C-alpha cells in the first residue's frame, strides 16, 4: 500500500530536505508539500496521511496549536515536529501534545531519515537531549477541539483584529464571527476573548 506523507514547512530548502529524507524511507510514497497551516488543513480534509512532518513556525501559526489542529483532523496520522529549536522543554511539550517525533532542522540527513523511518513504522523518535532534567509548563489541549474556521477566527483575534476586520479578512459575516466566538468560549471553557487568546498564546513557542 502506497503511503501518504504531508510536509508542512514554508522554507523551501528544509521542505526539500524533508522530501528527500522521506523518499529514502518510502521511495514510492505520495508526498504533498505545503507552506501554511491553512493549506495543511485543506490537504488533511481531502485525504488521509500516514505521516505529517510539521514545522512549528509556519506563517499562519506558531507553536503547538498547529499540531493540535492536525491531530484533531487526522487522529490516525503520525506527526513529527520539525523545528529550528532544540530546547528539551519544547520537545517534551510536543510529545505531551501527541507528536510521535521531533527533528531539529540542524539534524543531519541521516538523522532525519532514521527519525522518519521510526515514526512511519509506528514508533517514536526524539533527540536524547529531550530527556534531560526539567520540563516546561503544562498547556491546555483544548485548542485542538476548535474547528478550522474557529481556529482562524481566534488566530485573527490574537493578531489584534476586531470582529468587523476578522469578518472582512475571512470573507464571512460579522454575525458568523460572533457565533464562532461563542463556540470558542464554550469549547475552551472561558468567558471572554482575552482568556481565549491567552489559551492560544500558551501554545506558542519561539522556535
N, C-alpha and C. Protein backbone atom coordinates (compact mmCIF):
# COMPACT_ATOMS: atom_id res chain seq x y z
N UNK A 1 0.84 -1.19 0.00
CA UNK A 1 0.00 0.00 0.00
C UNK A 1 0.88 1.25 0.00
N UNK A 2 0.59 2.16 -0.91
CA UNK A 2 1.38 3.38 -1.02
C UNK A 2 1.09 4.28 0.17
N UNK A 3 2.15 4.74 0.83
CA UNK A 3 1.98 5.60 1.99
C UNK A 3 1.88 7.06 1.57
N UNK A 4 1.15 7.83 2.36
CA UNK A 4 0.95 9.25 2.08
C UNK A 4 1.64 10.08 3.15
N UNK A 5 2.43 11.05 2.71
CA UNK A 5 3.20 11.89 3.62
C UNK A 5 2.92 13.35 3.30
N UNK A 6 2.65 14.14 4.32
CA UNK A 6 2.43 15.57 4.16
C UNK A 6 3.57 16.32 4.83
N UNK A 7 4.21 17.23 4.09
CA UNK A 7 5.27 18.06 4.63
C UNK A 7 4.74 19.49 4.71
N UNK A 8 4.68 20.04 5.92
CA UNK A 8 4.20 21.41 6.12
C UNK A 8 5.37 22.26 6.61
N UNK A 9 6.04 22.92 5.69
CA UNK A 9 7.22 23.73 6.00
C UNK A 9 7.33 24.81 4.94
N UNK A 10 7.43 26.06 5.36
CA UNK A 10 7.46 27.16 4.39
C UNK A 10 8.87 27.51 3.92
N UNK A 11 9.87 26.82 4.44
CA UNK A 11 11.24 27.07 4.00
C UNK A 11 11.58 26.08 2.89
N UNK A 12 11.78 26.56 1.65
CA UNK A 12 11.98 25.65 0.51
C UNK A 12 13.10 24.63 0.71
N UNK A 13 14.22 25.06 1.27
CA UNK A 13 15.35 24.13 1.42
C UNK A 13 15.03 23.06 2.46
N UNK A 14 14.39 23.46 3.54
CA UNK A 14 14.02 22.48 4.57
C UNK A 14 12.98 21.50 4.03
N UNK A 15 12.00 22.03 3.32
CA UNK A 15 10.97 21.16 2.74
C UNK A 15 11.58 20.17 1.76
N UNK A 16 12.53 20.66 0.97
CA UNK A 16 13.20 19.78 0.00
C UNK A 16 14.00 18.69 0.71
N UNK A 17 14.69 19.06 1.79
CA UNK A 17 15.47 18.09 2.54
C UNK A 17 14.56 17.03 3.17
N UNK A 18 13.44 17.47 3.71
CA UNK A 18 12.48 16.53 4.30
C UNK A 18 11.92 15.59 3.24
N UNK A 19 11.65 16.14 2.05
CA UNK A 19 11.15 15.33 0.96
C UNK A 19 12.15 14.26 0.55
N UNK A 20 13.43 14.65 0.47
CA UNK A 20 14.48 13.69 0.11
C UNK A 20 14.61 12.60 1.17
N UNK A 21 14.55 13.01 2.45
CA UNK A 21 14.65 12.03 3.53
C UNK A 21 13.47 11.07 3.50
N UNK A 22 12.29 11.60 3.23
CA UNK A 22 11.09 10.76 3.17
C UNK A 22 11.20 9.76 2.02
N UNK A 23 11.76 10.20 0.89
CA UNK A 23 11.93 9.30 -0.26
C UNK A 23 12.92 8.19 0.05
N UNK A 24 13.90 8.49 0.90
CA UNK A 24 14.86 7.46 1.29
C UNK A 24 14.15 6.34 2.05
N UNK A 25 13.13 6.71 2.82
CA UNK A 25 12.41 5.74 3.63
C UNK A 25 11.33 5.03 2.84
N UNK A 26 10.58 5.81 2.05
CA UNK A 26 9.46 5.26 1.27
C UNK A 26 9.53 5.82 -0.14
N UNK A 27 10.23 5.12 -1.00
CA UNK A 27 10.52 5.62 -2.34
C UNK A 27 9.26 5.85 -3.17
N UNK A 28 8.21 5.07 -2.93
CA UNK A 28 7.01 5.19 -3.75
C UNK A 28 5.90 5.96 -3.03
N UNK A 29 6.24 6.65 -1.95
CA UNK A 29 5.22 7.37 -1.18
C UNK A 29 4.63 8.53 -1.97
N UNK A 30 3.38 8.84 -1.68
CA UNK A 30 2.73 10.04 -2.22
C UNK A 30 3.05 11.17 -1.25
N UNK A 31 3.83 12.15 -1.71
CA UNK A 31 4.28 13.23 -0.84
C UNK A 31 3.67 14.56 -1.30
N UNK A 32 3.02 15.24 -0.37
CA UNK A 32 2.47 16.57 -0.62
C UNK A 32 3.25 17.57 0.22
N UNK A 33 3.54 18.75 -0.35
CA UNK A 33 4.25 19.79 0.39
C UNK A 33 3.41 21.06 0.42
N UNK A 34 3.27 21.65 1.59
CA UNK A 34 2.53 22.90 1.76
C UNK A 34 3.36 23.83 2.63
N UNK A 35 3.03 25.13 2.59
CA UNK A 35 3.80 26.11 3.35
C UNK A 35 3.03 26.82 4.44
N UNK A 36 1.76 26.48 4.62
CA UNK A 36 0.96 27.11 5.67
C UNK A 36 0.08 26.07 6.35
N UNK A 37 -0.39 26.40 7.55
CA UNK A 37 -1.31 25.50 8.23
C UNK A 37 -2.62 25.43 7.48
N UNK A 38 -3.06 26.55 6.93
CA UNK A 38 -4.32 26.56 6.18
C UNK A 38 -4.28 25.56 5.04
N UNK A 39 -3.16 25.51 4.32
CA UNK A 39 -3.04 24.55 3.22
C UNK A 39 -2.94 23.12 3.75
N UNK A 40 -2.30 22.95 4.92
CA UNK A 40 -2.22 21.62 5.52
C UNK A 40 -3.61 21.14 5.92
N UNK A 41 -4.44 22.06 6.43
CA UNK A 41 -5.81 21.70 6.80
C UNK A 41 -6.59 21.25 5.57
N UNK A 42 -6.42 21.98 4.46
CA UNK A 42 -7.11 21.61 3.22
C UNK A 42 -6.71 20.20 2.81
N UNK A 43 -5.42 19.92 2.86
CA UNK A 43 -4.93 18.59 2.46
C UNK A 43 -5.47 17.50 3.37
N UNK A 44 -5.47 17.75 4.68
CA UNK A 44 -5.92 16.72 5.62
C UNK A 44 -7.43 16.52 5.57
N UNK A 45 -8.15 17.50 5.07
CA UNK A 45 -9.59 17.35 4.90
C UNK A 45 -9.92 16.56 3.63
N UNK A 46 -8.95 16.48 2.71
CA UNK A 46 -9.19 15.82 1.43
C UNK A 46 -8.73 14.37 1.39
N UNK A 47 -7.71 14.03 2.19
CA UNK A 47 -7.17 12.66 2.15
C UNK A 47 -6.54 12.31 3.48
N UNK A 48 -6.34 11.02 3.69
CA UNK A 48 -5.69 10.55 4.90
C UNK A 48 -4.18 10.45 4.67
N UNK A 49 -3.42 10.84 5.69
CA UNK A 49 -1.97 10.76 5.63
C UNK A 49 -1.45 9.79 6.68
N UNK A 50 -0.39 9.08 6.33
CA UNK A 50 0.26 8.19 7.28
C UNK A 50 1.22 8.96 8.17
N UNK A 51 1.84 9.99 7.60
CA UNK A 51 2.85 10.77 8.32
C UNK A 51 2.71 12.24 7.95
N UNK A 52 2.79 13.10 8.95
CA UNK A 52 2.81 14.55 8.73
C UNK A 52 4.08 15.10 9.37
N UNK A 53 4.89 15.80 8.59
CA UNK A 53 6.09 16.46 9.08
C UNK A 53 5.76 17.95 9.20
N UNK A 54 5.70 18.44 10.41
CA UNK A 54 5.13 19.77 10.68
C UNK A 54 6.16 20.73 11.27
N UNK A 55 6.38 21.83 10.57
CA UNK A 55 7.22 22.91 11.08
C UNK A 55 6.44 23.67 12.16
N UNK A 56 7.08 23.98 13.27
CA UNK A 56 6.40 24.69 14.35
C UNK A 56 6.15 26.16 14.02
N UNK A 57 6.89 26.71 13.07
CA UNK A 57 6.79 28.15 12.80
C UNK A 57 6.34 28.39 11.36
N UNK A 58 5.08 28.13 11.09
CA UNK A 58 4.52 28.43 9.78
C UNK A 58 4.02 29.87 9.76
N UNK A 59 3.83 30.46 8.58
CA UNK A 59 3.42 31.86 8.53
C UNK A 59 2.10 32.16 9.25
N UNK A 60 1.18 31.21 9.29
CA UNK A 60 -0.13 31.47 9.88
C UNK A 60 -0.34 30.78 11.23
N UNK A 61 0.69 30.17 11.78
CA UNK A 61 0.58 29.60 13.13
C UNK A 61 1.99 29.36 13.68
N UNK A 62 2.17 29.70 14.95
CA UNK A 62 3.45 29.47 15.60
C UNK A 62 3.19 28.66 16.87
N UNK A 63 3.99 27.64 17.08
CA UNK A 63 3.83 26.84 18.28
C UNK A 63 3.04 25.57 18.05
N UNK A 64 2.46 25.07 19.13
CA UNK A 64 1.85 23.75 19.11
C UNK A 64 0.39 23.73 18.68
N UNK A 65 -0.19 24.88 18.43
CA UNK A 65 -1.60 24.90 18.02
C UNK A 65 -1.80 24.15 16.70
N UNK A 66 -0.83 24.26 15.80
CA UNK A 66 -0.94 23.54 14.53
C UNK A 66 -0.93 22.03 14.74
N UNK A 67 -0.12 21.56 15.66
CA UNK A 67 -0.08 20.13 15.98
C UNK A 67 -1.44 19.67 16.49
N UNK A 68 -2.03 20.43 17.39
CA UNK A 68 -3.33 20.05 17.95
C UNK A 68 -4.41 20.03 16.88
N UNK A 69 -4.36 21.02 15.99
CA UNK A 69 -5.35 21.09 14.92
C UNK A 69 -5.26 19.87 14.01
N UNK A 70 -4.04 19.52 13.60
CA UNK A 70 -3.87 18.40 12.68
C UNK A 70 -4.14 17.06 13.36
N UNK A 71 -3.85 16.96 14.66
CA UNK A 71 -4.18 15.74 15.39
C UNK A 71 -5.70 15.54 15.44
N UNK A 72 -6.41 16.63 15.55
CA UNK A 72 -7.87 16.55 15.59
C UNK A 72 -8.42 16.13 14.23
N UNK A 73 -7.85 16.69 13.17
CA UNK A 73 -8.34 16.40 11.82
C UNK A 73 -7.93 15.01 11.36
N UNK A 74 -6.74 14.56 11.78
CA UNK A 74 -6.25 13.25 11.36
C UNK A 74 -5.69 12.49 12.57
N UNK A 75 -6.56 11.99 13.42
CA UNK A 75 -6.10 11.30 14.63
C UNK A 75 -5.28 10.05 14.33
N UNK A 76 -5.42 9.49 13.14
CA UNK A 76 -4.68 8.29 12.82
C UNK A 76 -3.30 8.54 12.24
N UNK A 77 -3.00 9.78 11.93
CA UNK A 77 -1.70 10.11 11.32
C UNK A 77 -0.62 10.22 12.38
N UNK A 78 0.58 9.82 12.02
CA UNK A 78 1.74 10.06 12.87
C UNK A 78 2.27 11.45 12.53
N UNK A 79 2.56 12.24 13.54
CA UNK A 79 3.04 13.60 13.31
C UNK A 79 4.40 13.78 13.96
N UNK A 80 5.37 14.23 13.17
CA UNK A 80 6.70 14.54 13.67
C UNK A 80 6.93 16.04 13.51
N UNK A 81 7.40 16.67 14.57
CA UNK A 81 7.67 18.10 14.56
C UNK A 81 9.05 18.36 13.97
N UNK A 82 9.13 19.40 13.16
CA UNK A 82 10.40 19.86 12.61
C UNK A 82 10.59 21.29 13.09
N UNK A 83 11.71 21.59 13.73
CA UNK A 83 11.86 22.91 14.33
C UNK A 83 13.31 23.36 14.36
N UNK A 84 13.50 24.68 14.31
CA UNK A 84 14.84 25.24 14.48
C UNK A 84 15.23 25.27 15.95
N UNK A 85 14.26 25.00 16.83
CA UNK A 85 14.53 24.95 18.27
C UNK A 85 15.04 23.56 18.65
N UNK A 86 16.04 23.55 19.53
CA UNK A 86 16.50 22.26 20.07
C UNK A 86 16.37 22.24 21.59
N UNK A 87 15.42 23.03 22.10
CA UNK A 87 15.22 23.10 23.55
C UNK A 87 14.48 21.86 24.04
N UNK A 88 15.00 21.19 25.05
CA UNK A 88 14.34 19.99 25.58
C UNK A 88 12.89 20.25 26.01
N UNK A 89 12.63 21.44 26.59
CA UNK A 89 11.27 21.73 27.05
C UNK A 89 10.30 21.77 25.88
N UNK A 90 10.75 22.28 24.74
CA UNK A 90 9.90 22.32 23.55
C UNK A 90 9.60 20.90 23.07
N UNK A 91 10.61 20.05 23.08
CA UNK A 91 10.44 18.66 22.67
C UNK A 91 9.45 17.94 23.58
N UNK A 92 9.59 18.16 24.88
CA UNK A 92 8.69 17.48 25.82
C UNK A 92 7.25 17.96 25.65
N UNK A 93 7.07 19.25 25.42
CA UNK A 93 5.72 19.77 25.20
C UNK A 93 5.11 19.16 23.95
N UNK A 94 5.92 19.05 22.90
CA UNK A 94 5.41 18.44 21.66
C UNK A 94 4.99 16.99 21.90
N UNK A 95 5.80 16.25 22.66
CA UNK A 95 5.47 14.86 22.96
C UNK A 95 4.18 14.76 23.77
N UNK A 96 4.01 15.65 24.76
CA UNK A 96 2.80 15.62 25.57
C UNK A 96 1.55 15.91 24.76
N UNK A 97 1.71 16.72 23.72
CA UNK A 97 0.55 17.09 22.90
C UNK A 97 0.31 16.12 21.75
N UNK A 98 1.05 15.03 21.70
CA UNK A 98 0.73 13.98 20.75
C UNK A 98 1.70 13.76 19.60
N UNK A 99 2.81 14.52 19.56
CA UNK A 99 3.79 14.29 18.50
C UNK A 99 4.47 12.95 18.70
N UNK A 100 4.77 12.28 17.59
CA UNK A 100 5.47 10.99 17.64
C UNK A 100 6.97 11.15 17.45
N UNK A 101 7.39 12.35 17.07
CA UNK A 101 8.81 12.56 16.86
C UNK A 101 9.13 14.04 16.83
N UNK A 102 10.41 14.36 16.91
CA UNK A 102 10.88 15.74 16.89
C UNK A 102 12.23 15.76 16.19
N UNK A 103 12.33 16.58 15.14
CA UNK A 103 13.57 16.67 14.38
C UNK A 103 14.06 18.11 14.33
N UNK A 104 15.17 18.42 15.00
CA UNK A 104 15.76 19.76 14.84
C UNK A 104 16.19 19.96 13.38
N UNK A 105 16.00 21.17 12.88
CA UNK A 105 16.37 21.43 11.49
C UNK A 105 17.88 21.34 11.28
N UNK A 106 18.62 21.37 12.37
CA UNK A 106 20.08 21.25 12.27
C UNK A 106 20.53 19.80 12.15
N UNK A 107 19.58 18.86 12.24
CA UNK A 107 19.94 17.44 12.19
C UNK A 107 20.51 17.05 10.83
N UNK A 108 21.41 16.09 10.84
CA UNK A 108 21.98 15.59 9.60
C UNK A 108 20.92 14.81 8.82
N UNK A 109 21.11 14.70 7.51
CA UNK A 109 20.17 13.98 6.67
C UNK A 109 19.97 12.55 7.16
N UNK A 110 21.04 11.90 7.60
CA UNK A 110 20.94 10.53 8.09
C UNK A 110 20.04 10.45 9.31
N UNK A 111 20.09 11.48 10.17
CA UNK A 111 19.25 11.51 11.37
C UNK A 111 17.79 11.71 10.99
N UNK A 112 17.55 12.55 9.98
CA UNK A 112 16.18 12.76 9.50
C UNK A 112 15.60 11.48 8.93
N UNK A 113 16.40 10.78 8.15
CA UNK A 113 15.95 9.52 7.55
C UNK A 113 15.60 8.52 8.65
N UNK A 114 16.46 8.41 9.66
CA UNK A 114 16.23 7.47 10.75
C UNK A 114 14.97 7.83 11.53
N UNK A 115 14.77 9.13 11.76
CA UNK A 115 13.60 9.58 12.51
C UNK A 115 12.31 9.31 11.74
N UNK A 116 12.32 9.62 10.45
CA UNK A 116 11.13 9.39 9.62
C UNK A 116 10.81 7.90 9.56
N UNK A 117 11.84 7.08 9.42
CA UNK A 117 11.64 5.62 9.35
C UNK A 117 11.01 5.11 10.64
N UNK A 118 11.50 5.60 11.77
CA UNK A 118 10.99 5.14 13.07
C UNK A 118 9.53 5.54 13.25
N UNK A 119 9.21 6.79 12.95
CA UNK A 119 7.84 7.29 13.15
C UNK A 119 6.88 6.64 12.17
N UNK A 120 7.30 6.51 10.93
CA UNK A 120 6.44 5.91 9.91
C UNK A 120 6.16 4.45 10.22
N UNK A 121 7.07 3.80 10.91
CA UNK A 121 6.90 2.39 11.28
C UNK A 121 6.04 2.23 12.54
N UNK A 122 5.60 3.35 13.10
CA UNK A 122 4.74 3.28 14.28
C UNK A 122 5.44 3.54 15.59
N UNK A 123 6.73 3.87 15.54
CA UNK A 123 7.47 4.14 16.75
C UNK A 123 7.57 5.63 17.04
N UNK A 124 8.54 5.99 17.86
CA UNK A 124 8.79 7.38 18.20
C UNK A 124 10.25 7.72 17.96
N UNK A 125 10.51 9.00 17.77
CA UNK A 125 11.89 9.43 17.58
C UNK A 125 12.07 10.84 18.15
N UNK A 126 12.75 10.92 19.28
CA UNK A 126 13.05 12.19 19.92
C UNK A 126 14.54 12.25 20.23
N UNK A 127 15.16 13.42 20.11
CA UNK A 127 16.58 13.55 20.41
C UNK A 127 16.86 13.21 21.88
N UNK A 128 18.04 12.68 22.18
CA UNK A 128 18.39 12.30 23.56
C UNK A 128 18.27 13.46 24.54
N UNK A 129 18.55 14.68 24.08
CA UNK A 129 18.52 15.83 24.99
C UNK A 129 17.13 16.13 25.52
N UNK A 130 16.11 15.55 24.90
CA UNK A 130 14.75 15.74 25.40
C UNK A 130 14.62 15.24 26.83
N UNK A 131 15.41 14.28 27.21
CA UNK A 131 15.23 13.61 28.48
C UNK A 131 16.08 14.17 29.62
N UNK A 132 16.67 15.36 29.38
CA UNK A 132 17.41 16.00 30.47
C UNK A 132 16.44 16.49 31.52
N UNK A 133 16.96 16.78 32.71
CA UNK A 133 16.08 17.18 33.81
C UNK A 133 15.40 18.49 33.50
N UNK A 134 14.23 18.68 34.10
CA UNK A 134 13.47 19.92 33.93
C UNK A 134 12.38 19.74 32.93
N UNK A 135 11.40 20.58 32.94
CA UNK A 135 10.29 20.46 32.00
C UNK A 135 9.56 21.77 31.85
N UNK A 136 8.78 21.87 30.82
CA UNK A 136 8.01 23.08 30.57
C UNK A 136 6.68 23.04 31.30
N UNK A 137 5.95 24.12 31.22
CA UNK A 137 4.64 24.19 31.85
C UNK A 137 3.64 23.34 31.08
N UNK A 138 2.69 22.77 31.82
CA UNK A 138 1.61 22.03 31.17
C UNK A 138 0.75 23.03 30.39
N UNK A 139 0.28 22.63 29.24
CA UNK A 139 -0.58 23.51 28.44
C UNK A 139 -1.89 22.80 28.16
N UNK A 140 -2.93 23.58 28.09
CA UNK A 140 -4.25 23.01 27.79
C UNK A 140 -4.28 22.55 26.34
N UNK A 141 -4.93 21.40 26.11
CA UNK A 141 -5.03 20.84 24.77
C UNK A 141 -6.37 21.16 24.11
N UNK A 142 -7.14 22.01 24.73
CA UNK A 142 -8.49 22.26 24.23
C UNK A 142 -8.51 23.01 22.90
N UNK A 143 -7.42 23.70 22.54
CA UNK A 143 -7.38 24.39 21.25
C UNK A 143 -7.63 23.40 20.13
N UNK A 144 -7.18 22.17 20.31
CA UNK A 144 -7.36 21.15 19.28
C UNK A 144 -8.80 20.77 19.05
N UNK A 145 -9.71 21.19 19.96
CA UNK A 145 -11.13 20.90 19.78
C UNK A 145 -11.80 21.90 18.85
N UNK A 146 -11.13 23.00 18.54
CA UNK A 146 -11.72 24.01 17.67
C UNK A 146 -11.76 23.52 16.22
N UNK A 147 -12.78 23.95 15.51
CA UNK A 147 -12.84 23.66 14.08
C UNK A 147 -11.83 24.55 13.37
N UNK A 148 -11.45 24.22 12.13
CA UNK A 148 -10.52 25.10 11.39
C UNK A 148 -11.02 26.53 11.29
N UNK A 149 -12.33 26.72 11.09
CA UNK A 149 -12.88 28.07 10.98
C UNK A 149 -12.76 28.80 12.31
N UNK A 150 -13.05 28.11 13.41
CA UNK A 150 -12.94 28.73 14.72
C UNK A 150 -11.49 29.07 15.04
N UNK A 151 -10.58 28.20 14.65
CA UNK A 151 -9.17 28.47 14.88
C UNK A 151 -8.72 29.72 14.12
N UNK A 152 -9.17 29.85 12.87
CA UNK A 152 -8.79 31.03 12.07
C UNK A 152 -9.30 32.31 12.72
N UNK A 153 -10.52 32.26 13.25
CA UNK A 153 -11.10 33.43 13.92
C UNK A 153 -10.29 33.79 15.16
N UNK A 154 -9.94 32.78 15.95
CA UNK A 154 -9.18 33.03 17.17
C UNK A 154 -7.78 33.53 16.85
N UNK A 155 -7.15 32.96 15.84
CA UNK A 155 -5.82 33.42 15.45
C UNK A 155 -5.86 34.88 14.99
N UNK A 156 -6.89 35.24 14.24
CA UNK A 156 -7.04 36.63 13.79
C UNK A 156 -7.23 37.56 14.98
N UNK A 157 -8.00 37.11 15.97
CA UNK A 157 -8.20 37.92 17.17
C UNK A 157 -6.89 38.09 17.93
N UNK A 158 -6.11 37.03 17.98
CA UNK A 158 -4.82 37.10 18.66
C UNK A 158 -3.87 38.07 17.97
N UNK A 159 -4.07 38.26 16.68
CA UNK A 159 -3.25 39.20 15.92
C UNK A 159 -3.74 40.64 16.08
N UNK A 160 -4.83 40.83 16.83
CA UNK A 160 -5.33 42.17 17.12
C UNK A 160 -6.53 42.62 16.32
N UNK A 161 -7.07 41.75 15.47
CA UNK A 161 -8.20 42.13 14.64
C UNK A 161 -9.50 42.12 15.45
N UNK A 162 -10.36 43.09 15.18
CA UNK A 162 -11.69 43.13 15.79
C UNK A 162 -12.67 42.38 14.90
N UNK A 163 -13.89 42.18 15.41
CA UNK A 163 -14.85 41.33 14.71
C UNK A 163 -15.09 41.76 13.26
N UNK A 164 -15.27 43.06 13.05
CA UNK A 164 -15.57 43.54 11.70
C UNK A 164 -14.40 43.24 10.75
N UNK A 165 -13.18 43.45 11.25
CA UNK A 165 -12.00 43.19 10.42
C UNK A 165 -11.82 41.69 10.17
N UNK A 166 -12.08 40.88 11.19
CA UNK A 166 -11.99 39.43 11.03
C UNK A 166 -12.98 38.96 9.97
N UNK A 167 -14.20 39.49 10.03
CA UNK A 167 -15.22 39.12 9.05
C UNK A 167 -14.75 39.46 7.64
N UNK A 168 -14.17 40.63 7.48
CA UNK A 168 -13.69 41.06 6.16
C UNK A 168 -12.54 40.18 5.69
N UNK A 169 -11.57 39.92 6.59
CA UNK A 169 -10.39 39.14 6.21
C UNK A 169 -10.75 37.70 5.83
N UNK A 170 -11.75 37.14 6.53
CA UNK A 170 -12.10 35.74 6.30
C UNK A 170 -13.27 35.57 5.34
N UNK A 171 -13.85 36.68 4.91
CA UNK A 171 -14.95 36.60 3.95
C UNK A 171 -16.22 36.01 4.52
N UNK A 172 -16.50 36.34 5.79
CA UNK A 172 -17.71 35.84 6.44
C UNK A 172 -18.46 37.01 7.06
N UNK A 173 -19.68 36.75 7.50
CA UNK A 173 -20.48 37.79 8.12
C UNK A 173 -20.01 38.05 9.55
N UNK A 174 -20.20 39.29 10.02
CA UNK A 174 -19.79 39.62 11.38
C UNK A 174 -20.58 38.79 12.40
N UNK A 175 -21.83 38.49 12.09
CA UNK A 175 -22.62 37.64 12.99
C UNK A 175 -22.04 36.24 13.09
N UNK A 176 -21.45 35.77 11.98
CA UNK A 176 -20.80 34.45 11.99
C UNK A 176 -19.57 34.47 12.89
N UNK A 177 -18.83 35.58 12.86
CA UNK A 177 -17.67 35.73 13.74
C UNK A 177 -18.11 35.63 15.20
N UNK A 178 -19.20 36.32 15.54
CA UNK A 178 -19.71 36.29 16.91
C UNK A 178 -20.15 34.88 17.30
N UNK A 179 -20.76 34.17 16.36
CA UNK A 179 -21.17 32.78 16.63
C UNK A 179 -19.94 31.90 16.88
N UNK A 180 -18.89 32.11 16.08
CA UNK A 180 -17.66 31.35 16.27
C UNK A 180 -17.07 31.61 17.66
N UNK A 181 -17.08 32.88 18.09
CA UNK A 181 -16.53 33.19 19.40
C UNK A 181 -17.33 32.52 20.51
N UNK A 182 -18.63 32.49 20.37
CA UNK A 182 -19.47 31.83 21.38
C UNK A 182 -19.10 30.35 21.49
N UNK A 183 -18.86 29.72 20.33
CA UNK A 183 -18.48 28.30 20.33
C UNK A 183 -17.06 28.11 20.87
N UNK A 184 -16.18 29.05 20.55
CA UNK A 184 -14.80 29.00 21.05
C UNK A 184 -14.80 29.08 22.57
N UNK A 185 -15.56 30.03 23.12
CA UNK A 185 -15.62 30.18 24.57
C UNK A 185 -16.12 28.90 25.23
N UNK A 186 -17.14 28.29 24.62
CA UNK A 186 -17.72 27.08 25.20
C UNK A 186 -16.72 25.93 25.18
N UNK A 187 -16.03 25.76 24.04
CA UNK A 187 -15.10 24.65 23.91
C UNK A 187 -13.87 24.81 24.81
N UNK A 188 -13.44 26.06 25.00
CA UNK A 188 -12.24 26.30 25.80
C UNK A 188 -12.56 26.47 27.28
N UNK A 189 -13.84 26.61 27.60
CA UNK A 189 -14.22 26.81 28.99
C UNK A 189 -13.82 28.17 29.51
N UNK A 190 -13.87 29.19 28.64
CA UNK A 190 -13.53 30.55 29.04
C UNK A 190 -14.75 31.44 28.86
N UNK A 191 -14.65 32.67 29.33
CA UNK A 191 -15.80 33.57 29.29
C UNK A 191 -15.61 34.80 28.42
N UNK A 192 -14.39 35.03 27.93
CA UNK A 192 -14.18 36.22 27.11
C UNK A 192 -13.04 36.02 26.12
N UNK A 193 -12.90 36.98 25.23
CA UNK A 193 -11.91 36.92 24.16
C UNK A 193 -10.48 36.87 24.70
N UNK A 194 -10.21 37.67 25.71
CA UNK A 194 -8.85 37.72 26.27
C UNK A 194 -8.42 36.36 26.79
N UNK A 195 -9.30 35.69 27.51
CA UNK A 195 -8.96 34.37 28.03
C UNK A 195 -8.72 33.37 26.90
N UNK A 196 -9.52 33.46 25.84
CA UNK A 196 -9.35 32.56 24.70
C UNK A 196 -8.01 32.80 24.01
N UNK A 197 -7.64 34.07 23.85
CA UNK A 197 -6.37 34.42 23.22
C UNK A 197 -5.21 33.93 24.06
N UNK A 198 -5.32 34.08 25.38
CA UNK A 198 -4.25 33.61 26.27
C UNK A 198 -4.09 32.10 26.17
N UNK A 199 -5.21 31.39 26.01
CA UNK A 199 -5.15 29.93 25.86
C UNK A 199 -4.37 29.57 24.59
N UNK A 200 -4.60 30.33 23.52
CA UNK A 200 -3.88 30.09 22.27
C UNK A 200 -2.40 30.45 22.43
N UNK A 201 -2.13 31.58 23.05
CA UNK A 201 -0.75 32.03 23.19
C UNK A 201 0.07 31.13 24.09
N UNK A 202 -0.62 30.38 24.98
CA UNK A 202 0.10 29.44 25.84
C UNK A 202 0.76 28.33 25.04
N UNK A 203 0.27 28.12 23.81
CA UNK A 203 0.83 27.08 22.95
C UNK A 203 1.91 27.60 22.02
N UNK A 204 2.06 28.92 21.96
CA UNK A 204 3.04 29.49 21.06
C UNK A 204 4.44 29.31 21.62
N UNK A 205 5.35 28.94 20.72
CA UNK A 205 6.73 28.67 21.10
C UNK A 205 7.65 29.46 20.19
N UNK A 206 8.62 30.13 20.77
CA UNK A 206 9.62 30.81 19.94
C UNK A 206 10.58 29.75 19.45
N UNK A 207 10.27 29.20 18.25
CA UNK A 207 11.05 28.06 17.75
C UNK A 207 12.03 28.52 16.69
